[in-house]
Amino acid sequence: MRRRTSSGDLEKHDLLIPPYVPSTTWQPTTSLSLTFPSGAQVLLGNEISPSDSSETPTISFTPTSPNETYTILSVDPDATSRANPIYGPVRHWAQSGLVVGADGKVETKESAHMSYKGPGPPPKTGLHRYIFLLYRHTKEIQGVEMDNELMGRIKWDFGNFVDEHGLELVGINFFLSQNPEQ
């Protein structure tokens, strides 16, 4: 199920602001769809349990131009909680080298900078936003090294990563998740 991102969806969840989007007037140029192996689909702010979103999702999107390469990043800005996000954003995924093959399926041309790590919100911290950001490459990305231990993933300055590697935001999607113990 593909649903076009609207500014209303983003604004409702406080995502129509930098660093998530470049400006309050930003509009996506492609629809980003994600489906987890559990069958759960990311639908612009729906709630998905941590267990249903624990494995790497399948991505689909229509490229903005033929022969383009893309990067997907995923972050949780709400660590420890949305009311007290002292550790956010936490990096949950960083994969460059995405291309759409002739069959329309997304393929990876390189290994992940950081493999997908599903949600792990602490108990009694309410809903967390898990954001997926799709970027078009404006230049080749090389030599990315990331600390994938928890301390290297918290307070991640993904805006700096985006600027450093010349990435252009083209699509966004997100879901909400919380620890079952509330």
N, C-alpha and C. Protein backbone atom coordinates (compact mmCIF):
# COMPACT_ATOMS: atom_id res chain seq x y z
N MET A 1 0.84 -1.17 0.00
CA MET A 1 0.00 0.00 0.00
C MET A 1 0.88 1.23 0.00
N ARG A 2 0.78 2.04 -1.02
CA ARG A 2 1.57 3.23 -1.13
C ARG A 2 0.72 4.44 -0.84
N ARG A 3 1.17 5.25 0.08
CA ARG A 3 0.46 6.47 0.43
C ARG A 3 1.42 7.62 0.31
N ARG A 4 1.04 8.65 -0.36
CA ARG A 4 1.89 9.81 -0.58
C ARG A 4 2.06 10.60 0.72
N THR A 5 3.30 10.93 1.06
CA THR A 5 3.58 11.71 2.24
C THR A 5 3.00 13.11 2.07
N SER A 6 2.32 13.58 3.10
CA SER A 6 1.82 14.95 3.05
C SER A 6 2.43 15.74 4.19
N SER A 7 2.48 17.05 4.02
CA SER A 7 3.04 17.90 5.07
C SER A 7 2.20 17.80 6.34
N GLY A 8 0.90 17.51 6.22
CA GLY A 8 0.05 17.35 7.39
C GLY A 8 0.47 16.16 8.25
N ASP A 9 0.84 15.03 7.60
CA ASP A 9 1.31 13.86 8.33
C ASP A 9 2.57 14.19 9.12
N LEU A 10 3.47 14.93 8.49
CA LEU A 10 4.74 15.28 9.12
C LEU A 10 4.54 16.31 10.22
N GLU A 11 3.73 17.30 9.95
CA GLU A 11 3.48 18.36 10.92
C GLU A 11 2.80 17.82 12.18
N LYS A 12 1.85 16.93 12.01
CA LYS A 12 1.11 16.34 13.13
C LYS A 12 2.07 15.68 14.13
N HIS A 13 3.17 15.13 13.64
CA HIS A 13 4.13 14.42 14.49
C HIS A 13 5.43 15.19 14.67
N ASP A 14 5.39 16.51 14.47
CA ASP A 14 6.55 17.39 14.68
C ASP A 14 7.76 16.97 13.86
N LEU A 15 7.54 16.60 12.60
CA LEU A 15 8.63 16.19 11.72
C LEU A 15 8.84 17.14 10.55
N LEU A 16 8.03 18.18 10.47
CA LEU A 16 8.16 19.13 9.36
C LEU A 16 9.11 20.27 9.77
N ILE A 17 10.21 19.88 10.39
CA ILE A 17 11.22 20.83 10.86
C ILE A 17 12.60 20.25 10.62
N PRO A 18 13.61 21.12 10.44
CA PRO A 18 14.98 20.59 10.40
C PRO A 18 15.29 19.96 11.77
N PRO A 19 16.04 18.92 11.89
CA PRO A 19 16.88 18.32 10.87
C PRO A 19 16.19 17.23 10.05
N TYR A 20 14.90 16.92 10.34
CA TYR A 20 14.25 15.82 9.65
C TYR A 20 14.00 16.15 8.19
N VAL A 21 13.55 17.34 7.91
CA VAL A 21 13.38 17.82 6.53
C VAL A 21 14.15 19.14 6.40
N PRO A 22 14.61 19.49 5.20
CA PRO A 22 15.45 20.67 5.04
C PRO A 22 14.77 22.00 5.40
N SER A 23 13.45 22.07 5.23
CA SER A 23 12.73 23.30 5.55
C SER A 23 11.26 22.98 5.74
N THR A 24 10.51 23.91 6.29
CA THR A 24 9.08 23.68 6.53
C THR A 24 8.28 23.64 5.24
N THR A 25 8.90 24.01 4.13
CA THR A 25 8.21 23.97 2.83
C THR A 25 8.62 22.77 1.98
N TRP A 26 9.47 21.89 2.53
CA TRP A 26 9.95 20.73 1.78
C TRP A 26 8.79 19.82 1.41
N GLN A 27 8.85 19.27 0.20
CA GLN A 27 7.86 18.30 -0.28
C GLN A 27 8.61 17.09 -0.83
N PRO A 28 8.14 15.87 -0.55
CA PRO A 28 8.81 14.68 -1.08
C PRO A 28 8.64 14.59 -2.60
N THR A 29 9.64 13.96 -3.23
CA THR A 29 9.55 13.73 -4.67
C THR A 29 9.29 12.27 -4.99
N THR A 30 9.29 11.41 -3.97
CA THR A 30 8.94 10.01 -4.15
C THR A 30 8.25 9.49 -2.89
N SER A 31 7.40 8.49 -3.06
CA SER A 31 6.75 7.83 -1.93
C SER A 31 7.62 6.67 -1.48
N LEU A 32 7.94 6.63 -0.21
CA LEU A 32 8.77 5.58 0.37
C LEU A 32 7.87 4.60 1.11
N SER A 33 7.90 3.33 0.71
CA SER A 33 7.11 2.29 1.35
C SER A 33 8.05 1.29 2.02
N LEU A 34 7.66 0.84 3.21
CA LEU A 34 8.43 -0.15 3.94
C LEU A 34 7.49 -1.20 4.51
N THR A 35 7.89 -2.47 4.38
CA THR A 35 7.11 -3.59 4.91
C THR A 35 8.06 -4.52 5.66
N PHE A 36 7.71 -4.83 6.89
CA PHE A 36 8.51 -5.74 7.70
C PHE A 36 8.17 -7.18 7.38
N PRO A 37 9.11 -8.12 7.63
CA PRO A 37 8.81 -9.53 7.40
C PRO A 37 7.56 -10.02 8.15
N SER A 38 7.19 -9.34 9.24
CA SER A 38 5.98 -9.70 9.99
C SER A 38 4.71 -9.37 9.22
N GLY A 39 4.85 -8.58 8.14
CA GLY A 39 3.70 -8.12 7.36
C GLY A 39 3.28 -6.71 7.72
N ALA A 40 3.80 -6.16 8.81
CA ALA A 40 3.48 -4.79 9.22
C ALA A 40 4.04 -3.80 8.21
N GLN A 41 3.20 -2.85 7.81
CA GLN A 41 3.61 -1.81 6.86
C GLN A 41 3.75 -0.48 7.59
N VAL A 42 4.75 0.30 7.18
CA VAL A 42 4.95 1.64 7.73
C VAL A 42 4.04 2.57 6.94
N LEU A 43 3.10 3.22 7.66
CA LEU A 43 2.06 4.01 6.99
C LEU A 43 1.94 5.42 7.59
N LEU A 44 3.03 6.14 7.60
CA LEU A 44 3.04 7.55 8.00
C LEU A 44 2.42 7.79 9.36
N GLY A 45 2.99 7.14 10.37
CA GLY A 45 2.58 7.41 11.73
C GLY A 45 1.70 6.36 12.37
N ASN A 46 1.55 5.19 11.72
CA ASN A 46 0.80 4.12 12.38
C ASN A 46 1.64 3.51 13.49
N GLU A 47 0.99 2.81 14.39
CA GLU A 47 1.70 2.17 15.49
C GLU A 47 2.03 0.73 15.12
N ILE A 48 3.30 0.34 15.35
CA ILE A 48 3.79 -1.01 15.09
C ILE A 48 4.55 -1.44 16.33
N SER A 49 4.31 -2.64 16.81
CA SER A 49 4.98 -3.12 18.02
C SER A 49 6.46 -3.36 17.75
N PRO A 50 7.30 -3.29 18.79
CA PRO A 50 8.72 -3.60 18.59
C PRO A 50 8.94 -5.00 18.00
N SER A 51 8.13 -5.97 18.42
CA SER A 51 8.33 -7.33 17.90
C SER A 51 7.97 -7.43 16.42
N ASP A 52 6.99 -6.66 15.96
CA ASP A 52 6.60 -6.70 14.55
C ASP A 52 7.52 -5.87 13.65
N SER A 53 8.42 -5.08 14.25
CA SER A 53 9.32 -4.24 13.47
C SER A 53 10.78 -4.51 13.81
N SER A 54 11.07 -5.71 14.27
CA SER A 54 12.42 -6.05 14.73
C SER A 54 13.39 -6.44 13.61
N GLU A 55 12.86 -6.86 12.46
CA GLU A 55 13.72 -7.30 11.36
C GLU A 55 13.75 -6.27 10.23
N THR A 56 14.77 -6.32 9.40
CA THR A 56 14.96 -5.37 8.32
C THR A 56 13.76 -5.35 7.39
N PRO A 57 13.20 -4.17 7.16
CA PRO A 57 12.04 -4.08 6.26
C PRO A 57 12.46 -4.12 4.79
N THR A 58 11.52 -4.49 3.96
CA THR A 58 11.68 -4.38 2.51
C THR A 58 11.30 -2.95 2.14
N ILE A 59 12.10 -2.36 1.28
CA ILE A 59 11.88 -0.97 0.85
C ILE A 59 11.37 -0.97 -0.57
N SER A 60 10.47 -0.04 -0.88
CA SER A 60 10.11 0.20 -2.28
C SER A 60 9.85 1.68 -2.46
N PHE A 61 10.24 2.16 -3.64
CA PHE A 61 10.03 3.55 -4.02
C PHE A 61 10.26 3.67 -5.52
N THR A 62 9.75 4.73 -6.07
CA THR A 62 9.98 5.02 -7.48
C THR A 62 11.13 6.00 -7.56
N PRO A 63 12.20 5.66 -8.28
CA PRO A 63 13.34 6.57 -8.34
C PRO A 63 12.96 7.91 -8.98
N THR A 64 13.61 8.97 -8.50
CA THR A 64 13.33 10.29 -9.05
C THR A 64 13.87 10.43 -10.47
N SER A 65 14.91 9.67 -10.80
CA SER A 65 15.49 9.63 -12.14
C SER A 65 16.11 8.25 -12.35
N PRO A 66 16.21 7.81 -13.60
CA PRO A 66 16.86 6.50 -13.84
C PRO A 66 18.33 6.54 -13.43
N ASN A 67 18.84 5.40 -13.04
CA ASN A 67 20.26 5.22 -12.71
C ASN A 67 20.72 6.04 -11.51
N GLU A 68 19.81 6.40 -10.63
CA GLU A 68 20.19 7.13 -9.42
C GLU A 68 20.52 6.14 -8.31
N THR A 69 21.36 6.58 -7.38
CA THR A 69 21.71 5.79 -6.21
C THR A 69 21.18 6.52 -4.97
N TYR A 70 20.77 5.74 -3.97
CA TYR A 70 20.09 6.30 -2.79
C TYR A 70 20.69 5.76 -1.50
N THR A 71 20.41 6.47 -0.43
CA THR A 71 20.76 6.07 0.94
C THR A 71 19.50 6.13 1.77
N ILE A 72 19.32 5.15 2.67
CA ILE A 72 18.23 5.23 3.65
C ILE A 72 18.85 5.32 5.04
N LEU A 73 18.32 6.22 5.82
CA LEU A 73 18.71 6.38 7.21
C LEU A 73 17.47 6.21 8.06
N SER A 74 17.63 5.64 9.24
CA SER A 74 16.52 5.53 10.17
C SER A 74 16.99 6.00 11.54
N VAL A 75 16.17 6.83 12.18
CA VAL A 75 16.50 7.36 13.50
C VAL A 75 15.28 7.37 14.41
N ASP A 76 15.55 7.31 15.70
CA ASP A 76 14.55 7.51 16.75
C ASP A 76 14.94 8.80 17.46
N PRO A 77 14.21 9.89 17.23
CA PRO A 77 14.56 11.15 17.89
C PRO A 77 14.12 11.20 19.35
N ASP A 78 13.39 10.19 19.83
CA ASP A 78 12.72 10.26 21.12
C ASP A 78 13.39 9.46 22.23
N ALA A 79 14.69 9.29 22.17
CA ALA A 79 15.38 8.56 23.24
C ALA A 79 15.82 9.57 24.31
N THR A 80 15.52 9.40 25.44
CA THR A 80 14.92 8.35 26.22
C THR A 80 13.40 8.35 26.07
N SER A 81 12.80 9.52 25.94
CA SER A 81 11.37 9.60 25.70
C SER A 81 11.11 10.86 24.88
N ARG A 82 9.91 10.97 24.33
CA ARG A 82 9.59 12.16 23.55
C ARG A 82 9.59 13.41 24.44
N ALA A 83 9.19 13.25 25.69
CA ALA A 83 9.17 14.38 26.63
C ALA A 83 10.59 14.74 27.10
N ASN A 84 11.52 13.80 27.02
CA ASN A 84 12.88 14.03 27.50
C ASN A 84 13.88 13.34 26.56
N PRO A 85 14.06 13.88 25.36
CA PRO A 85 14.88 13.21 24.32
C PRO A 85 16.38 13.46 24.46
N ILE A 86 16.92 13.19 25.62
CA ILE A 86 18.32 13.54 25.89
C ILE A 86 19.33 12.70 25.10
N TYR A 87 18.93 11.54 24.60
CA TYR A 87 19.86 10.69 23.85
C TYR A 87 19.55 10.64 22.34
N GLY A 88 18.51 11.34 21.93
CA GLY A 88 18.13 11.30 20.53
C GLY A 88 18.89 12.30 19.69
N PRO A 89 18.92 12.08 18.39
CA PRO A 89 18.39 10.90 17.73
C PRO A 89 19.34 9.69 17.84
N VAL A 90 18.74 8.54 17.92
CA VAL A 90 19.49 7.28 17.93
C VAL A 90 19.42 6.70 16.52
N ARG A 91 20.59 6.34 15.99
CA ARG A 91 20.67 5.75 14.65
C ARG A 91 20.20 4.30 14.71
N HIS A 92 19.28 3.93 13.80
CA HIS A 92 18.79 2.56 13.71
C HIS A 92 19.14 1.88 12.39
N TRP A 93 19.55 2.67 11.39
CA TRP A 93 19.90 2.06 10.10
C TRP A 93 20.61 3.10 9.26
N ALA A 94 21.61 2.65 8.52
CA ALA A 94 22.31 3.50 7.55
C ALA A 94 22.77 2.60 6.41
N GLN A 95 22.11 2.73 5.27
CA GLN A 95 22.41 1.88 4.10
C GLN A 95 22.49 2.76 2.86
N SER A 96 23.67 2.79 2.26
CA SER A 96 23.85 3.51 0.99
C SER A 96 23.89 2.50 -0.14
N GLY A 97 24.00 2.99 -1.36
CA GLY A 97 24.13 2.13 -2.52
C GLY A 97 22.83 1.46 -2.94
N LEU A 98 21.69 2.08 -2.63
CA LEU A 98 20.41 1.51 -3.04
C LEU A 98 20.10 1.93 -4.48
N VAL A 99 19.68 0.98 -5.28
CA VAL A 99 19.26 1.25 -6.66
C VAL A 99 17.97 0.48 -6.92
N VAL A 100 17.19 0.96 -7.86
CA VAL A 100 15.99 0.25 -8.26
C VAL A 100 16.31 -0.49 -9.55
N GLY A 101 16.20 -1.82 -9.49
CA GLY A 101 16.52 -2.66 -10.65
C GLY A 101 15.47 -2.58 -11.74
N ALA A 102 15.76 -3.20 -12.85
CA ALA A 102 14.84 -3.22 -14.00
C ALA A 102 13.50 -3.85 -13.63
N ASP A 103 13.51 -4.75 -12.63
CA ASP A 103 12.27 -5.40 -12.20
C ASP A 103 11.49 -4.56 -11.19
N GLY A 104 12.02 -3.36 -10.85
CA GLY A 104 11.35 -2.47 -9.92
C GLY A 104 11.68 -2.73 -8.46
N LYS A 105 12.51 -3.73 -8.17
CA LYS A 105 12.89 -4.05 -6.80
C LYS A 105 14.13 -3.26 -6.39
N VAL A 106 14.16 -2.88 -5.12
CA VAL A 106 15.32 -2.15 -4.59
C VAL A 106 16.43 -3.16 -4.30
N GLU A 107 17.61 -2.85 -4.80
CA GLU A 107 18.80 -3.68 -4.61
C GLU A 107 19.86 -2.86 -3.92
N THR A 108 20.79 -3.54 -3.24
CA THR A 108 21.91 -2.83 -2.60
C THR A 108 23.20 -3.14 -3.34
N LYS A 109 23.96 -2.09 -3.62
CA LYS A 109 25.24 -2.24 -4.31
C LYS A 109 26.41 -2.30 -3.34
N GLU A 110 26.15 -2.09 -2.06
CA GLU A 110 27.21 -2.13 -1.07
C GLU A 110 26.65 -2.58 0.27
N SER A 111 27.56 -2.96 1.17
CA SER A 111 27.09 -3.41 2.49
C SER A 111 26.66 -2.20 3.32
N ALA A 112 25.82 -2.47 4.31
CA ALA A 112 25.28 -1.40 5.15
C ALA A 112 26.39 -0.77 5.99
N HIS A 113 26.29 0.55 6.17
CA HIS A 113 27.18 1.23 7.13
C HIS A 113 26.80 0.78 8.53
N MET A 114 25.51 0.56 8.71
CA MET A 114 24.98 0.01 9.95
C MET A 114 23.74 -0.79 9.61
N SER A 115 23.75 -2.07 9.94
CA SER A 115 22.58 -2.92 9.68
C SER A 115 21.40 -2.43 10.52
N TYR A 116 20.20 -2.75 10.04
CA TYR A 116 18.98 -2.32 10.72
C TYR A 116 18.91 -2.90 12.13
N LYS A 117 18.58 -2.04 13.09
CA LYS A 117 18.33 -2.45 14.47
C LYS A 117 16.93 -1.98 14.81
N GLY A 118 16.06 -2.92 15.14
CA GLY A 118 14.67 -2.60 15.42
C GLY A 118 14.50 -1.78 16.69
N PRO A 119 13.28 -1.32 16.92
CA PRO A 119 12.99 -0.49 18.08
C PRO A 119 13.27 -1.21 19.40
N GLY A 120 13.72 -0.42 20.36
CA GLY A 120 13.95 -0.93 21.71
C GLY A 120 13.62 0.14 22.74
N PRO A 121 12.43 0.73 22.64
CA PRO A 121 12.11 1.80 23.59
C PRO A 121 12.03 1.27 25.02
N PRO A 122 12.58 2.00 25.97
CA PRO A 122 12.52 1.56 27.37
C PRO A 122 11.08 1.53 27.89
N PRO A 123 10.83 0.76 28.95
CA PRO A 123 9.49 0.75 29.56
C PRO A 123 9.09 2.14 30.05
N LYS A 124 7.81 2.39 29.98
CA LYS A 124 7.20 3.61 30.53
C LYS A 124 7.75 4.89 29.92
N THR A 125 8.09 4.85 28.62
CA THR A 125 8.57 6.06 27.93
C THR A 125 7.63 6.50 26.81
N GLY A 126 6.47 5.86 26.69
CA GLY A 126 5.48 6.25 25.70
C GLY A 126 5.90 5.91 24.28
N LEU A 127 5.18 6.50 23.35
CA LEU A 127 5.45 6.26 21.92
C LEU A 127 6.71 6.96 21.46
N HIS A 128 7.49 6.24 20.66
CA HIS A 128 8.68 6.79 20.01
C HIS A 128 8.39 6.85 18.51
N ARG A 129 8.95 7.88 17.83
CA ARG A 129 8.84 8.00 16.38
C ARG A 129 10.07 7.33 15.76
N TYR A 130 9.85 6.41 14.83
CA TYR A 130 10.93 5.77 14.08
C TYR A 130 10.82 6.26 12.65
N ILE A 131 11.81 7.07 12.25
CA ILE A 131 11.75 7.81 10.99
C ILE A 131 12.68 7.16 9.98
N PHE A 132 12.19 7.00 8.75
CA PHE A 132 12.99 6.51 7.63
C PHE A 132 13.13 7.65 6.64
N LEU A 133 14.36 8.00 6.31
CA LEU A 133 14.65 9.11 5.42
C LEU A 133 15.37 8.58 4.19
N LEU A 134 14.83 8.82 3.02
CA LEU A 134 15.42 8.35 1.76
C LEU A 134 16.08 9.53 1.06
N TYR A 135 17.36 9.37 0.75
CA TYR A 135 18.15 10.42 0.12
C TYR A 135 18.69 9.97 -1.23
N ARG A 136 18.71 10.90 -2.17
CA ARG A 136 19.36 10.69 -3.47
C ARG A 136 20.81 11.14 -3.33
N HIS A 137 21.72 10.35 -3.90
CA HIS A 137 23.14 10.73 -3.88
C HIS A 137 23.38 11.84 -4.90
N THR A 138 24.10 12.87 -4.50
CA THR A 138 24.54 13.88 -5.46
C THR A 138 26.02 13.70 -5.79
N LYS A 139 26.68 12.81 -5.02
CA LYS A 139 28.07 12.43 -5.29
C LYS A 139 28.29 11.04 -4.70
N GLU A 140 29.38 10.42 -5.06
CA GLU A 140 29.68 9.07 -4.59
C GLU A 140 30.03 9.10 -3.10
N ILE A 141 29.54 8.13 -2.37
CA ILE A 141 29.85 8.00 -0.94
C ILE A 141 30.93 6.95 -0.79
N GLN A 142 32.01 7.33 -0.08
CA GLN A 142 33.13 6.40 0.10
C GLN A 142 33.63 6.43 1.53
N GLY A 143 34.16 5.32 1.97
CA GLY A 143 34.88 5.24 3.23
C GLY A 143 34.11 5.62 4.48
N VAL A 144 32.85 5.25 4.56
CA VAL A 144 32.06 5.57 5.74
C VAL A 144 32.33 4.54 6.82
N GLU A 145 32.74 5.02 7.98
CA GLU A 145 32.93 4.14 9.14
C GLU A 145 32.03 4.64 10.24
N MET A 146 31.30 3.73 10.86
CA MET A 146 30.38 4.09 11.94
C MET A 146 30.61 3.20 13.13
N ASP A 147 30.50 3.79 14.31
CA ASP A 147 30.52 3.04 15.56
C ASP A 147 29.11 2.53 15.77
N ASN A 148 28.91 1.23 15.68
CA ASN A 148 27.57 0.67 15.75
C ASN A 148 27.19 0.15 17.13
N GLU A 149 28.05 0.39 18.11
CA GLU A 149 27.67 0.10 19.50
C GLU A 149 26.71 1.20 19.94
N LEU A 150 25.92 0.94 20.96
CA LEU A 150 24.89 1.88 21.39
C LEU A 150 25.44 3.28 21.62
N MET A 151 26.56 3.41 22.31
CA MET A 151 27.09 4.75 22.62
C MET A 151 27.50 5.50 21.35
N GLY A 152 27.83 4.79 20.30
CA GLY A 152 28.17 5.43 19.03
C GLY A 152 26.94 5.78 18.20
N ARG A 153 25.78 5.27 18.60
CA ARG A 153 24.55 5.50 17.84
C ARG A 153 23.68 6.60 18.44
N ILE A 154 23.90 6.91 19.74
CA ILE A 154 23.06 7.93 20.38
C ILE A 154 23.53 9.33 20.01
N LYS A 155 22.60 10.28 20.08
CA LYS A 155 22.87 11.69 19.76
C LYS A 155 23.56 11.82 18.39
N TRP A 156 23.10 11.02 17.43
CA TRP A 156 23.73 11.00 16.11
C TRP A 156 23.39 12.26 15.33
N ASP A 157 24.41 12.93 14.87
CA ASP A 157 24.24 14.14 14.06
C ASP A 157 24.08 13.72 12.60
N PHE A 158 22.90 13.20 12.27
CA PHE A 158 22.71 12.71 10.90
C PHE A 158 22.69 13.85 9.90
N GLY A 159 22.34 15.06 10.34
CA GLY A 159 22.40 16.22 9.45
C GLY A 159 23.81 16.45 8.93
N ASN A 160 24.80 16.25 9.78
CA ASN A 160 26.20 16.37 9.36
C ASN A 160 26.55 15.28 8.35
N PHE A 161 26.08 14.05 8.59
CA PHE A 161 26.30 12.94 7.66
C PHE A 161 25.71 13.29 6.29
N VAL A 162 24.49 13.82 6.29
CA VAL A 162 23.80 14.19 5.06
C VAL A 162 24.59 15.26 4.31
N ASP A 163 25.01 16.30 5.01
CA ASP A 163 25.77 17.39 4.39
C ASP A 163 27.11 16.91 3.86
N GLU A 164 27.82 16.14 4.69
CA GLU A 164 29.16 15.65 4.33
C GLU A 164 29.14 14.79 3.07
N HIS A 165 28.06 14.04 2.87
CA HIS A 165 28.00 13.11 1.74
C HIS A 165 27.12 13.61 0.59
N GLY A 166 26.70 14.85 0.65
CA GLY A 166 25.94 15.44 -0.45
C GLY A 166 24.64 14.72 -0.73
N LEU A 167 23.85 14.45 0.31
CA LEU A 167 22.60 13.72 0.14
C LEU A 167 21.42 14.69 0.04
N GLU A 168 20.48 14.35 -0.84
CA GLU A 168 19.28 15.17 -1.06
C GLU A 168 18.05 14.36 -0.65
N LEU A 169 17.31 14.86 0.34
CA LEU A 169 16.12 14.16 0.82
C LEU A 169 15.04 14.11 -0.25
N VAL A 170 14.55 12.89 -0.55
CA VAL A 170 13.50 12.73 -1.56
C VAL A 170 12.25 12.06 -1.01
N GLY A 171 12.36 11.35 0.13
CA GLY A 171 11.20 10.66 0.68
C GLY A 171 11.35 10.41 2.17
N ILE A 172 10.22 10.29 2.84
CA ILE A 172 10.22 10.06 4.28
C ILE A 172 9.00 9.22 4.64
N ASN A 173 9.17 8.39 5.66
CA ASN A 173 8.05 7.63 6.22
C ASN A 173 8.40 7.37 7.67
N PHE A 174 7.43 7.01 8.49
CA PHE A 174 7.70 6.79 9.90
C PHE A 174 6.59 5.98 10.53
N PHE A 175 6.93 5.36 11.66
CA PHE A 175 5.92 4.67 12.46
C PHE A 175 6.17 5.00 13.92
N LEU A 176 5.21 4.65 14.75
CA LEU A 176 5.31 4.85 16.19
C LEU A 176 5.40 3.49 16.87
N SER A 177 6.19 3.42 17.95
CA SER A 177 6.31 2.17 18.67
C SER A 177 6.60 2.46 20.13
N GLN A 178 6.15 1.55 20.98
CA GLN A 178 6.42 1.70 22.40
C GLN A 178 6.64 0.35 23.04
N ASN A 179 7.31 0.39 24.17
CA ASN A 179 7.51 -0.82 24.95
C ASN A 179 6.15 -1.28 25.46
N PRO A 180 5.87 -2.58 25.42
CA PRO A 180 4.57 -3.06 25.90
C PRO A 180 4.32 -2.71 27.38
N GLU A 181 5.40 -2.49 28.14
CA GLU A 181 5.26 -2.15 29.55
C GLU A 181 5.14 -0.64 29.69
N GLN A 182 3.92 -0.16 29.86
CA GLN A 182 3.69 1.29 30.00
C GLN A 182 3.09 1.64 31.33
